[in-house]
Amino acid sequence: MINIDQETLIVLQNMAQRLKEARLARNESQELFATRLGISRQTYSKMEKGVTSVAIGYWLMACSILNSLDSWKTILVPEDDLFAQYERQQHGRQRAGKSRTRL
């Protein structure tokens, strides 16, 4: 079981409800929509219940089918200001490891 905070759980349940509403608006059964996603009806049912163990890839595929994948494109995009972008261009990528000293 995934340890999840209440706010995140509410967001997931809201997404699950919107997924169900979108499927019903298309007049599709859970079985048909699950087949289009390439998953079992049981797994799709878990999506509509907001179960946390469903892989995010299935959510992305469902959004693609529903033509709402664009909303995912802004997730985890850094909010850089112009100065930060300029600095990154001028100095290039920096190494993530700790510096090594020569003996």
Protein backbone atom coordinates (compact mmCIF):
# COMPACT_ATOMS: atom_id res chain seq x y z
CA MET A 1 0.00 0.00 0.00
CA ILE A 2 1.28 3.44 -0.90
CA ASN A 3 1.49 5.94 1.93
CA ILE A 4 -0.31 8.99 0.55
CA ASP A 5 -1.37 12.26 2.14
CA GLN A 6 -4.99 13.40 2.22
CA GLU A 7 -4.59 16.27 -0.26
CA THR A 8 -3.00 13.98 -2.86
CA LEU A 9 -5.71 11.39 -2.30
CA ILE A 10 -8.41 14.01 -2.92
CA VAL A 11 -6.75 15.07 -6.19
CA LEU A 12 -6.58 11.42 -7.31
CA GLN A 13 -10.23 10.85 -6.43
CA ASN A 14 -11.23 13.97 -8.37
CA MET A 15 -9.29 12.74 -11.39
CA ALA A 16 -11.00 9.36 -11.06
CA GLN A 17 -14.42 11.00 -11.01
CA ARG A 18 -13.60 13.12 -14.08
CA LEU A 19 -12.34 10.01 -15.90
CA LYS A 20 -15.61 8.22 -15.17
CA GLU A 21 -17.65 11.22 -16.31
CA ALA A 22 -15.64 11.47 -19.54
CA ARG A 23 -16.16 7.76 -20.25
CA LEU A 24 -19.89 8.03 -19.60
CA ALA A 25 -20.15 11.12 -21.80
CA ARG A 26 -18.73 9.00 -24.61
CA ASN A 27 -21.32 6.33 -23.79
CA GLU A 28 -18.65 3.63 -23.38
CA SER A 29 -18.65 0.75 -20.97
CA GLN A 30 -15.77 0.11 -18.60
CA GLU A 31 -15.02 -3.03 -20.60
CA LEU A 32 -14.73 -1.16 -23.90
CA PHE A 33 -12.62 1.66 -22.47
CA ALA A 34 -10.35 -0.82 -20.69
CA THR A 35 -9.88 -2.70 -23.96
CA ARG A 36 -8.91 0.53 -25.70
CA LEU A 37 -6.33 1.11 -22.95
CA GLY A 38 -5.05 -2.46 -23.19
CA ILE A 39 -5.86 -3.27 -19.57
CA SER A 40 -8.40 -5.42 -17.76
CA ARG A 41 -11.79 -4.08 -16.75
CA GLN A 42 -10.78 -4.63 -13.13
CA THR A 43 -7.71 -2.38 -13.49
CA TYR A 44 -9.80 0.25 -15.20
CA SER A 45 -12.36 0.03 -12.40
CA LYS A 46 -9.54 0.75 -9.94
CA MET A 47 -8.71 3.88 -11.93
CA GLU A 48 -12.28 5.12 -11.59
CA LYS A 49 -12.11 4.44 -7.84
CA GLY A 50 -8.87 6.38 -7.45
CA VAL A 51 -6.81 3.41 -6.30
CA THR A 52 -3.22 4.56 -5.85
CA SER A 53 -1.56 1.43 -7.24
CA VAL A 54 -2.60 2.01 -10.88
CA ALA A 55 0.41 2.91 -13.03
CA ILE A 56 0.58 6.49 -14.23
CA GLY A 57 1.09 5.26 -17.78
CA TYR A 58 -2.51 4.09 -17.87
CA TRP A 59 -3.67 7.55 -16.79
CA LEU A 60 -1.62 9.10 -19.59
CA MET A 61 -3.05 6.69 -22.16
CA ALA A 62 -6.60 7.42 -20.94
CA CYS A 63 -5.97 11.15 -21.27
CA SER A 64 -4.62 10.60 -24.76
CA ILE A 65 -7.74 8.70 -25.77
CA LEU A 66 -9.88 11.49 -24.30
CA ASN A 67 -7.83 14.18 -26.08
CA SER A 68 -6.79 15.78 -22.80
CA LEU A 69 -3.09 14.92 -22.76
CA ASP A 70 -2.08 18.59 -23.11
CA SER A 71 -2.80 19.25 -19.44
CA TRP A 72 0.00 16.82 -18.49
CA LYS A 73 2.62 18.72 -20.49
CA THR A 74 2.99 21.40 -17.84
CA ILE A 75 3.52 19.02 -14.93
CA LEU A 76 7.00 19.27 -13.39
CA VAL A 77 8.06 21.97 -15.85
CA PRO A 78 10.47 24.26 -14.01
CA GLU A 79 9.25 27.79 -13.53
CA ASP A 80 12.39 29.64 -14.62
CA ASP A 81 12.64 33.33 -14.98
CA LEU A 82 14.57 34.80 -17.89
CA PHE A 83 17.67 35.36 -15.75
CA ALA A 84 17.84 31.70 -14.73
CA GLN A 85 17.49 30.60 -18.35
CA TYR A 86 20.27 32.97 -19.40
CA GLU A 87 22.59 31.72 -16.65
CA ARG A 88 21.97 28.12 -17.65
CA GLN A 89 22.75 28.89 -21.29
CA GLN A 90 25.94 30.77 -20.40
CA HIS A 91 27.39 28.21 -18.02
CA GLY A 92 26.07 24.98 -19.48
CA ARG A 93 25.27 21.88 -17.47
CA GLN A 94 27.04 21.43 -14.18
CA ARG A 95 28.08 18.06 -12.82
CA ALA A 96 25.92 16.56 -10.15
CA GLY A 97 28.67 14.69 -8.28
CA LYS A 98 30.97 16.05 -5.65
CA SER A 99 34.22 17.51 -6.86
CA ARG A 100 37.28 15.32 -6.88
CA THR A 101 40.64 16.46 -5.67
CA ARG A 102 43.83 15.32 -7.31
CA LEU A 103 46.66 14.02 -5.19
